[in-house]
Amino acid sequence: MSDADSVAADSRDSPENRTARIREIKRSVWIGYSRAQAIRAEIEALLEHPTTHRMPNIALIADTNNGKTMLLESVFRRNNPKDDPNAEKAILTVVKIETPPSPSEGRLYTALLEALCSAQSPREPEDSKLRRLRIILTHLETKLLILDDFFNIGAGTPTQRRKFLNALRNLSN
């Protein structure tokens, strides 16, 4: 082994490089197999759908550890502009949140406002949150709302679930 090979091997095996390699190996990666690409294309087609009084929705259902979250994250990343501090206006075409652990209209609005970095009072009424959300989402030109782990709504009573679904329908309109 030459001196150059020895130096290269030493730097490759440094603790910093080893840690960086291990971190890279453990990083989550979306693998675009053909069915996932077809599903992503179907979701992204919603971005081009003309505005109607009842906007279409998609439910993505599959077993655990099938890549649903990674697929949704891929849609989120591909369809939002890169951060540009010099841009005249902020645009967020796709908003992605994890559904609250219980079906609560207030918690849904709070999760959305937090994702949009819009601080609010814990005592703010749901009507006020909804009004602010509509204004913010309109200004950001949001076209798609992704709710990950939607099965969380099963944790509530039938009345809570109905109210939660009504809130979603109201938001999508």
N, C-alpha and C. Protein backbone atom coordinates (compact mmCIF):
# COMPACT_ATOMS: atom_id res chain seq x y z
N MET A 1 0.85 -1.17 0.00
CA MET A 1 0.00 0.00 0.00
C MET A 1 0.90 1.23 0.00
N SER A 2 0.59 2.18 -0.89
CA SER A 2 1.38 3.41 -0.97
C SER A 2 1.00 4.34 0.17
N ASP A 3 1.81 5.39 0.34
CA ASP A 3 1.51 6.38 1.37
C ASP A 3 0.17 7.06 1.11
N ALA A 4 -0.13 7.34 -0.17
CA ALA A 4 -1.39 8.00 -0.52
C ALA A 4 -2.57 7.09 -0.17
N ASP A 5 -2.42 5.77 -0.44
CA ASP A 5 -3.49 4.82 -0.10
C ASP A 5 -3.67 4.76 1.41
N SER A 6 -2.58 4.80 2.14
CA SER A 6 -2.64 4.75 3.59
C SER A 6 -3.36 5.98 4.15
N VAL A 7 -3.04 7.17 3.63
CA VAL A 7 -3.69 8.40 4.07
C VAL A 7 -5.18 8.36 3.74
N ALA A 8 -5.52 7.88 2.53
CA ALA A 8 -6.93 7.79 2.11
C ALA A 8 -7.68 6.83 3.01
N ALA A 9 -7.08 5.70 3.35
CA ALA A 9 -7.73 4.72 4.21
C ALA A 9 -7.92 5.28 5.61
N ASP A 10 -6.90 5.99 6.13
CA ASP A 10 -7.03 6.59 7.46
C ASP A 10 -8.15 7.61 7.51
N SER A 11 -8.26 8.48 6.47
CA SER A 11 -9.29 9.51 6.49
C SER A 11 -10.68 8.89 6.28
N ARG A 12 -10.73 7.79 5.52
CA ARG A 12 -12.01 7.11 5.29
C ARG A 12 -12.51 6.47 6.58
N ASP A 13 -11.59 6.02 7.43
CA ASP A 13 -11.96 5.34 8.66
C ASP A 13 -12.01 6.28 9.87
N SER A 14 -11.92 7.57 9.64
CA SER A 14 -11.99 8.49 10.76
C SER A 14 -13.37 8.39 11.42
N PRO A 15 -13.45 8.69 12.71
CA PRO A 15 -14.76 8.60 13.40
C PRO A 15 -15.83 9.48 12.75
N GLU A 16 -15.44 10.66 12.26
CA GLU A 16 -16.42 11.55 11.63
C GLU A 16 -16.97 10.93 10.36
N ASN A 17 -16.08 10.37 9.54
CA ASN A 17 -16.52 9.75 8.28
C ASN A 17 -17.36 8.50 8.55
N ARG A 18 -16.95 7.75 9.54
CA ARG A 18 -17.70 6.53 9.88
C ARG A 18 -19.11 6.90 10.33
N THR A 19 -19.21 7.91 11.19
CA THR A 19 -20.51 8.37 11.66
C THR A 19 -21.36 8.88 10.51
N ALA A 20 -20.75 9.64 9.61
CA ALA A 20 -21.48 10.17 8.45
C ALA A 20 -21.97 9.04 7.55
N ARG A 21 -21.13 8.03 7.33
CA ARG A 21 -21.54 6.89 6.50
C ARG A 21 -22.69 6.13 7.14
N ILE A 22 -22.61 5.90 8.44
CA ILE A 22 -23.68 5.17 9.14
C ILE A 22 -24.98 5.97 9.09
N ARG A 23 -24.89 7.27 9.30
CA ARG A 23 -26.09 8.13 9.24
C ARG A 23 -26.70 8.06 7.84
N GLU A 24 -25.88 8.08 6.81
CA GLU A 24 -26.37 8.03 5.43
C GLU A 24 -27.05 6.70 5.14
N ILE A 25 -26.50 5.62 5.65
CA ILE A 25 -27.08 4.29 5.44
C ILE A 25 -28.44 4.19 6.12
N LYS A 26 -28.59 4.80 7.29
CA LYS A 26 -29.84 4.72 8.05
C LYS A 26 -30.89 5.72 7.60
N ARG A 27 -30.53 6.64 6.72
CA ARG A 27 -31.45 7.68 6.25
C ARG A 27 -32.63 7.05 5.51
N SER A 28 -33.81 7.63 5.72
CA SER A 28 -35.00 7.16 5.02
C SER A 28 -34.92 7.56 3.56
N VAL A 29 -35.24 6.64 2.69
CA VAL A 29 -35.18 6.89 1.26
C VAL A 29 -36.45 6.34 0.61
N TRP A 30 -37.05 7.15 -0.25
CA TRP A 30 -38.20 6.69 -0.98
C TRP A 30 -37.71 5.95 -2.22
N ILE A 31 -38.21 4.74 -2.41
CA ILE A 31 -37.85 3.94 -3.58
C ILE A 31 -39.04 3.98 -4.53
N GLY A 32 -38.84 4.58 -5.68
CA GLY A 32 -39.93 4.78 -6.62
C GLY A 32 -40.20 3.59 -7.50
N TYR A 33 -40.70 2.52 -6.91
CA TYR A 33 -41.07 1.37 -7.74
C TYR A 33 -42.31 1.75 -8.55
N SER A 34 -42.65 0.98 -9.57
CA SER A 34 -43.64 1.40 -10.55
C SER A 34 -45.01 1.71 -9.94
N ARG A 35 -45.49 0.92 -9.01
CA ARG A 35 -46.80 1.19 -8.41
C ARG A 35 -46.76 2.48 -7.58
N ALA A 36 -45.67 2.72 -6.87
CA ALA A 36 -45.53 3.95 -6.09
C ALA A 36 -45.51 5.17 -7.01
N GLN A 37 -44.84 5.06 -8.13
CA GLN A 37 -44.80 6.18 -9.07
C GLN A 37 -46.18 6.45 -9.66
N ALA A 38 -46.95 5.39 -9.91
CA ALA A 38 -48.31 5.57 -10.43
C ALA A 38 -49.20 6.25 -9.40
N ILE A 39 -49.06 5.84 -8.13
CA ILE A 39 -49.85 6.46 -7.06
C ILE A 39 -49.45 7.93 -6.90
N ARG A 40 -48.15 8.20 -6.94
CA ARG A 40 -47.69 9.58 -6.81
C ARG A 40 -48.22 10.43 -7.96
N ALA A 41 -48.23 9.89 -9.16
CA ALA A 41 -48.77 10.62 -10.32
C ALA A 41 -50.26 10.90 -10.13
N GLU A 42 -50.99 9.95 -9.58
CA GLU A 42 -52.42 10.14 -9.33
C GLU A 42 -52.65 11.25 -8.29
N ILE A 43 -51.83 11.26 -7.24
CA ILE A 43 -51.94 12.31 -6.22
C ILE A 43 -51.57 13.66 -6.83
N GLU A 44 -50.49 13.70 -7.59
CA GLU A 44 -50.05 14.97 -8.18
C GLU A 44 -51.04 15.48 -9.22
N ALA A 45 -51.82 14.60 -9.82
CA ALA A 45 -52.84 15.04 -10.78
C ALA A 45 -53.90 15.91 -10.10
N LEU A 46 -54.09 15.72 -8.79
CA LEU A 46 -55.04 16.55 -8.05
C LEU A 46 -54.62 18.02 -8.06
N LEU A 47 -53.33 18.28 -8.20
CA LEU A 47 -52.84 19.66 -8.22
C LEU A 47 -53.36 20.42 -9.44
N GLU A 48 -53.68 19.70 -10.50
CA GLU A 48 -54.15 20.33 -11.74
C GLU A 48 -55.66 20.34 -11.84
N HIS A 49 -56.34 19.75 -10.86
CA HIS A 49 -57.80 19.66 -10.93
C HIS A 49 -58.41 21.05 -10.81
N PRO A 50 -59.36 21.37 -11.70
CA PRO A 50 -59.98 22.69 -11.60
C PRO A 50 -60.79 22.82 -10.31
N THR A 51 -60.89 24.02 -9.80
CA THR A 51 -61.63 24.26 -8.57
C THR A 51 -63.11 23.96 -8.80
N THR A 52 -63.67 23.15 -7.91
CA THR A 52 -65.09 22.81 -7.95
C THR A 52 -65.65 22.94 -6.54
N HIS A 53 -66.97 22.79 -6.42
CA HIS A 53 -67.57 22.90 -5.09
C HIS A 53 -67.26 21.69 -4.23
N ARG A 54 -66.92 20.56 -4.80
CA ARG A 54 -66.49 19.37 -4.07
C ARG A 54 -65.19 18.87 -4.70
N MET A 55 -64.10 19.24 -4.09
CA MET A 55 -62.80 18.83 -4.62
C MET A 55 -62.57 17.35 -4.34
N PRO A 56 -61.91 16.65 -5.26
CA PRO A 56 -61.66 15.22 -5.07
C PRO A 56 -60.61 14.97 -3.99
N ASN A 57 -60.67 13.79 -3.42
CA ASN A 57 -59.72 13.37 -2.39
C ASN A 57 -59.24 11.96 -2.73
N ILE A 58 -58.13 11.59 -2.15
CA ILE A 58 -57.60 10.24 -2.31
C ILE A 58 -57.25 9.70 -0.93
N ALA A 59 -57.62 8.45 -0.70
CA ALA A 59 -57.20 7.76 0.53
C ALA A 59 -56.19 6.71 0.12
N LEU A 60 -55.02 6.77 0.72
CA LEU A 60 -53.96 5.80 0.44
C LEU A 60 -53.91 4.83 1.62
N ILE A 61 -54.31 3.60 1.37
CA ILE A 61 -54.42 2.60 2.43
C ILE A 61 -53.52 1.41 2.09
N ALA A 62 -52.70 1.02 3.04
CA ALA A 62 -51.83 -0.14 2.86
C ALA A 62 -51.34 -0.59 4.23
N ASP A 63 -50.75 -1.77 4.27
CA ASP A 63 -50.19 -2.28 5.52
C ASP A 63 -49.08 -1.37 6.02
N THR A 64 -48.77 -1.51 7.29
CA THR A 64 -47.69 -0.77 7.91
C THR A 64 -46.36 -1.08 7.21
N ASN A 65 -45.48 -0.09 7.18
CA ASN A 65 -44.14 -0.23 6.59
C ASN A 65 -44.16 -0.56 5.11
N ASN A 66 -45.13 0.02 4.40
CA ASN A 66 -45.22 -0.17 2.95
C ASN A 66 -44.74 1.05 2.18
N GLY A 67 -44.31 2.10 2.87
CA GLY A 67 -43.76 3.27 2.20
C GLY A 67 -44.76 4.39 1.96
N LYS A 68 -45.92 4.35 2.61
CA LYS A 68 -46.93 5.39 2.39
C LYS A 68 -46.39 6.77 2.78
N THR A 69 -45.81 6.87 3.96
CA THR A 69 -45.30 8.15 4.43
C THR A 69 -44.18 8.65 3.52
N MET A 70 -43.31 7.79 3.08
CA MET A 70 -42.23 8.20 2.18
C MET A 70 -42.78 8.67 0.84
N LEU A 71 -43.81 8.01 0.35
CA LEU A 71 -44.43 8.42 -0.90
C LEU A 71 -45.05 9.81 -0.74
N LEU A 72 -45.76 10.03 0.36
CA LEU A 72 -46.37 11.34 0.61
C LEU A 72 -45.32 12.42 0.79
N GLU A 73 -44.24 12.08 1.46
CA GLU A 73 -43.13 13.03 1.62
C GLU A 73 -42.52 13.38 0.26
N SER A 74 -42.46 12.40 -0.63
CA SER A 74 -41.96 12.63 -1.98
C SER A 74 -42.86 13.63 -2.72
N VAL A 75 -44.17 13.47 -2.60
CA VAL A 75 -45.11 14.42 -3.22
C VAL A 75 -44.89 15.81 -2.64
N PHE A 76 -44.75 15.88 -1.32
CA PHE A 76 -44.54 17.16 -0.64
C PHE A 76 -43.27 17.85 -1.16
N ARG A 77 -42.17 17.13 -1.22
CA ARG A 77 -40.88 17.72 -1.63
C ARG A 77 -40.88 18.13 -3.11
N ARG A 78 -41.47 17.28 -3.96
CA ARG A 78 -41.44 17.55 -5.40
C ARG A 78 -42.28 18.75 -5.81
N ASN A 79 -43.30 19.06 -5.04
CA ASN A 79 -44.27 20.05 -5.49
C ASN A 79 -44.25 21.36 -4.72
N ASN A 80 -43.27 21.54 -3.87
CA ASN A 80 -43.11 22.81 -3.18
C ASN A 80 -41.84 23.48 -3.68
N PRO A 81 -41.90 24.79 -3.90
CA PRO A 81 -40.69 25.47 -4.36
C PRO A 81 -39.60 25.43 -3.30
N LYS A 82 -38.38 25.53 -3.75
CA LYS A 82 -37.25 25.60 -2.82
C LYS A 82 -37.34 26.90 -2.03
N ASP A 83 -36.82 26.86 -0.81
CA ASP A 83 -36.80 28.08 0.01
C ASP A 83 -35.99 29.15 -0.70
N ASP A 84 -36.62 30.30 -0.86
CA ASP A 84 -35.94 31.42 -1.49
C ASP A 84 -36.23 32.68 -0.68
N PRO A 85 -35.26 33.10 0.14
CA PRO A 85 -35.50 34.29 0.98
C PRO A 85 -35.72 35.56 0.16
N ASN A 86 -35.34 35.54 -1.12
CA ASN A 86 -35.50 36.73 -1.97
C ASN A 86 -36.79 36.71 -2.77
N ALA A 87 -37.59 35.67 -2.61
CA ALA A 87 -38.85 35.58 -3.35
C ALA A 87 -39.80 36.68 -2.91
N GLU A 88 -40.59 37.18 -3.86
CA GLU A 88 -41.56 38.21 -3.54
C GLU A 88 -42.66 37.69 -2.64
N LYS A 89 -42.98 36.40 -2.80
CA LYS A 89 -44.11 35.83 -2.10
C LYS A 89 -43.79 34.38 -1.75
N ALA A 90 -44.20 33.96 -0.57
CA ALA A 90 -44.04 32.56 -0.19
C ALA A 90 -45.16 31.74 -0.83
N ILE A 91 -44.79 30.60 -1.39
CA ILE A 91 -45.76 29.69 -1.98
C ILE A 91 -45.53 28.32 -1.36
N LEU A 92 -46.62 27.69 -0.95
CA LEU A 92 -46.56 26.34 -0.38
C LEU A 92 -47.70 25.54 -1.01
N THR A 93 -47.41 24.94 -2.15
CA THR A 93 -48.42 24.24 -2.93
C THR A 93 -49.00 23.06 -2.18
N VAL A 94 -48.16 22.35 -1.44
CA VAL A 94 -48.59 21.16 -0.70
C VAL A 94 -48.27 21.36 0.78
N VAL A 95 -49.26 21.09 1.63
CA VAL A 95 -49.07 21.12 3.08
C VAL A 95 -49.25 19.69 3.57
N LYS A 96 -48.31 19.23 4.38
CA LYS A 96 -48.36 17.85 4.89
C LYS A 96 -48.27 17.90 6.41
N ILE A 97 -49.23 17.22 7.06
CA ILE A 97 -49.19 17.11 8.52
C ILE A 97 -49.51 15.68 8.92
N GLU A 98 -49.18 15.35 10.14
CA GLU A 98 -49.62 14.08 10.70
C GLU A 98 -50.96 14.35 11.37
N THR A 99 -51.93 13.49 11.09
CA THR A 99 -53.25 13.67 11.66
C THR A 99 -53.15 13.61 13.19
N PRO A 100 -53.86 14.52 13.87
CA PRO A 100 -53.82 14.49 15.35
C PRO A 100 -54.22 13.12 15.89
N PRO A 101 -53.77 12.78 17.10
CA PRO A 101 -54.02 11.45 17.65
C PRO A 101 -55.48 11.15 17.95
N SER A 102 -56.31 12.18 17.98
CA SER A 102 -57.75 11.95 18.15
C SER A 102 -58.49 12.90 17.21
N PRO A 103 -59.69 12.50 16.77
CA PRO A 103 -60.41 13.33 15.80
C PRO A 103 -61.03 14.55 16.44
N SER A 104 -60.29 15.64 16.44
CA SER A 104 -60.76 16.89 17.03
C SER A 104 -60.54 17.99 16.01
N GLU A 105 -61.60 18.72 15.72
CA GLU A 105 -61.52 19.82 14.76
C GLU A 105 -60.47 20.84 15.21
N GLY A 106 -60.48 21.19 16.48
CA GLY A 106 -59.52 22.15 17.00
C GLY A 106 -58.09 21.67 16.88
N ARG A 107 -57.87 20.40 17.19
CA ARG A 107 -56.50 19.85 17.09
C ARG A 107 -56.04 19.80 15.63
N LEU A 108 -56.95 19.52 14.70
CA LEU A 108 -56.61 19.52 13.28
C LEU A 108 -56.16 20.91 12.86
N TYR A 109 -56.94 21.92 13.21
CA TYR A 109 -56.60 23.29 12.84
C TYR A 109 -55.29 23.71 13.50
N THR A 110 -55.09 23.32 14.75
CA THR A 110 -53.85 23.66 15.45
C THR A 110 -52.65 23.01 14.75
N ALA A 111 -52.77 21.74 14.38
CA ALA A 111 -51.67 21.04 13.68
C ALA A 111 -51.35 21.75 12.37
N LEU A 112 -52.37 22.16 11.65
CA LEU A 112 -52.13 22.86 10.38
C LEU A 112 -51.47 24.22 10.62
N LEU A 113 -51.96 24.95 11.59
CA LEU A 113 -51.36 26.26 11.89
C LEU A 113 -49.92 26.11 12.35
N GLU A 114 -49.63 25.09 13.14
CA GLU A 114 -48.25 24.85 13.58
C GLU A 114 -47.36 24.51 12.39
N ALA A 115 -47.88 23.70 11.46
CA ALA A 115 -47.10 23.35 10.27
C ALA A 115 -46.80 24.59 9.43
N LEU A 116 -47.68 25.55 9.50
CA LEU A 116 -47.51 26.79 8.75
C LEU A 116 -46.80 27.88 9.55
N CYS A 117 -46.29 27.50 10.73
CA CYS A 117 -45.56 28.41 11.62
C CYS A 117 -46.40 29.64 11.96
N SER A 118 -47.66 29.40 12.22
CA SER A 118 -48.56 30.49 12.59
C SER A 118 -48.99 30.31 14.03
N ALA A 119 -48.30 30.99 14.92
CA ALA A 119 -48.57 30.85 16.35
C ALA A 119 -50.00 31.26 16.67
N GLN A 120 -50.57 30.60 17.65
CA GLN A 120 -51.93 30.93 18.06
C GLN A 120 -52.06 30.73 19.55
N SER A 121 -53.12 31.29 20.09
CA SER A 121 -53.42 31.12 21.50
C SER A 121 -54.10 29.77 21.69
N PRO A 122 -53.78 29.04 22.76
CA PRO A 122 -54.45 27.77 23.00
C PRO A 122 -55.96 27.93 23.18
N ARG A 123 -56.39 29.13 23.52
CA ARG A 123 -57.82 29.38 23.75
C ARG A 123 -58.53 29.92 22.51
N GLU A 124 -57.81 30.02 21.39
CA GLU A 124 -58.43 30.56 20.18
C GLU A 124 -59.58 29.66 19.73
N PRO A 125 -60.74 30.23 19.46
CA PRO A 125 -61.88 29.41 19.03
C PRO A 125 -61.64 28.77 17.67
N GLU A 126 -62.30 27.64 17.44
CA GLU A 126 -62.13 26.90 16.19
C GLU A 126 -62.51 27.76 14.98
N ASP A 127 -63.55 28.58 15.10
CA ASP A 127 -63.97 29.45 13.99
C ASP A 127 -62.84 30.37 13.58
N SER A 128 -62.16 30.93 14.57
CA SER A 128 -61.06 31.84 14.31
C SER A 128 -59.90 31.12 13.64
N LYS A 129 -59.59 29.90 14.13
CA LYS A 129 -58.52 29.10 13.53
C LYS A 129 -58.84 28.81 12.07
N LEU A 130 -60.09 28.41 11.81
CA LEU A 130 -60.49 28.09 10.43
C LEU A 130 -60.39 29.31 9.54
N ARG A 131 -60.84 30.46 10.02
CA ARG A 131 -60.75 31.69 9.23
C ARG A 131 -59.29 32.00 8.89
N ARG A 132 -58.42 31.90 9.89
CA ARG A 132 -56.99 32.18 9.66
C ARG A 132 -56.40 31.17 8.69
N LEU A 133 -56.77 29.91 8.84
CA LEU A 133 -56.26 28.88 7.93
C LEU A 133 -56.65 29.17 6.49
N ARG A 134 -57.90 29.51 6.28
CA ARG A 134 -58.36 29.80 4.91
C ARG A 134 -57.57 30.96 4.31
N ILE A 135 -57.35 31.99 5.10
CA ILE A 135 -56.59 33.15 4.60
C ILE A 135 -55.16 32.75 4.28
N ILE A 136 -54.51 32.05 5.21
CA ILE A 136 -53.11 31.66 5.03
C ILE A 136 -52.97 30.72 3.83
N LEU A 137 -53.81 29.70 3.75
CA LEU A 137 -53.71 28.73 2.66
C LEU A 137 -53.99 29.38 1.30
N THR A 138 -54.89 30.35 1.28
CA THR A 138 -55.15 31.08 0.03
C THR A 138 -53.93 31.89 -0.38
N HIS A 139 -53.34 32.61 0.56
CA HIS A 139 -52.16 33.42 0.25
C HIS A 139 -50.97 32.56 -0.17
N LEU A 140 -50.86 31.38 0.42
CA LEU A 140 -49.75 30.48 0.07
C LEU A 140 -50.00 29.70 -1.21
N GLU A 141 -51.21 29.86 -1.78
CA GLU A 141 -51.61 29.15 -3.00
C GLU A 141 -51.56 27.64 -2.82
N THR A 142 -51.98 27.18 -1.65
CA THR A 142 -51.98 25.75 -1.34
C THR A 142 -53.07 25.06 -2.15
N LYS A 143 -52.69 23.95 -2.78
CA LYS A 143 -53.63 23.20 -3.60
C LYS A 143 -53.88 21.79 -3.06
N LEU A 144 -52.99 21.32 -2.19
CA LEU A 144 -53.10 19.95 -1.72
C LEU A 144 -52.76 19.87 -0.24
N LEU A 145 -53.64 19.23 0.50
CA LEU A 145 -53.42 19.01 1.92
C LEU A 145 -53.25 17.51 2.14
N ILE A 146 -52.11 17.13 2.69
CA ILE A 146 -51.82 15.71 2.95
C ILE A 146 -51.92 15.46 4.44
N LEU A 147 -52.78 14.50 4.81
CA LEU A 147 -52.93 14.10 6.20
C LEU A 147 -52.36 12.69 6.33
N ASP A 148 -51.22 12.58 6.97
CA ASP A 148 -50.58 11.28 7.17
C ASP A 148 -51.14 10.63 8.44
N ASP A 149 -51.18 9.32 8.46
CA ASP A 149 -51.71 8.54 9.59
C ASP A 149 -53.17 8.90 9.87
N PHE A 150 -53.96 8.93 8.83
CA PHE A 150 -55.37 9.30 8.94
C PHE A 150 -56.16 8.34 9.82
N PHE A 151 -55.64 7.12 9.99
CA PHE A 151 -56.35 6.13 10.81
C PHE A 151 -56.52 6.61 12.25
N ASN A 152 -55.80 7.66 12.64
CA ASN A 152 -55.94 8.20 14.00
C ASN A 152 -57.36 8.64 14.31
N ILE A 153 -58.15 8.93 13.29
CA ILE A 153 -59.52 9.37 13.57
C ILE A 153 -60.34 8.25 14.20
N GLY A 154 -59.89 7.02 14.06
CA GLY A 154 -60.59 5.89 14.66
C GLY A 154 -60.59 5.92 16.18
N ALA A 155 -59.77 6.77 16.77
CA ALA A 155 -59.66 6.82 18.23
C ALA A 155 -60.83 7.53 18.89
N GLY A 156 -61.67 8.18 18.11
CA GLY A 156 -62.75 8.96 18.69
C GLY A 156 -64.10 8.28 18.61
N THR A 157 -65.08 8.93 19.17
CA THR A 157 -66.45 8.43 19.12
C THR A 157 -67.00 8.69 17.72
N PRO A 158 -68.10 8.04 17.37
CA PRO A 158 -68.70 8.32 16.05
C PRO A 158 -69.03 9.80 15.86
N THR A 159 -69.49 10.47 16.89
CA THR A 159 -69.80 11.90 16.79
C THR A 159 -68.53 12.72 16.53
N GLN A 160 -67.45 12.40 17.25
CA GLN A 160 -66.18 13.12 17.03
C GLN A 160 -65.67 12.89 15.61
N ARG A 161 -65.76 11.65 15.13
CA ARG A 161 -65.30 11.34 13.77
C ARG A 161 -66.11 12.12 12.74
N ARG A 162 -67.43 12.18 12.93
CA ARG A 162 -68.30 12.89 12.00
C ARG A 162 -67.94 14.38 11.97
N LYS A 163 -67.72 14.98 13.15
CA LYS A 163 -67.34 16.39 13.21
C LYS A 163 -65.99 16.63 12.53
N PHE A 164 -65.06 15.70 12.75
CA PHE A 164 -63.73 15.81 12.15
C PHE A 164 -63.82 15.75 10.63
N LEU A 165 -64.59 14.79 10.13
CA LEU A 165 -64.75 14.64 8.68
C LEU A 165 -65.47 15.85 8.08
N ASN A 166 -66.44 16.40 8.81
CA ASN A 166 -67.11 17.62 8.35
C ASN A 166 -66.12 18.78 8.28
N ALA A 167 -65.22 18.87 9.26
CA ALA A 167 -64.21 19.92 9.26
C ALA A 167 -63.30 19.78 8.04
N LEU A 168 -62.92 18.55 7.72
CA LEU A 168 -62.08 18.31 6.54
C LEU A 168 -62.81 18.70 5.25
N ARG A 169 -64.07 18.29 5.17
CA ARG A 169 -64.84 18.64 3.96
C ARG A 169 -64.95 20.15 3.84
N ASN A 170 -65.19 20.81 4.95
CA ASN A 170 -65.30 22.26 4.97
C ASN A 170 -63.99 22.89 4.52
N LEU A 171 -62.87 22.37 5.00
CA LEU A 171 -61.55 22.88 4.60
C LEU A 171 -61.31 22.68 3.11
N SER A 172 -61.67 21.51 2.60
CA SER A 172 -61.37 21.21 1.20
C SER A 172 -62.25 22.02 0.26
N ASN A 173 -63.41 22.44 0.74
CA ASN A 173 -64.27 23.28 -0.10
C ASN A 173 -63.68 24.67 -0.23
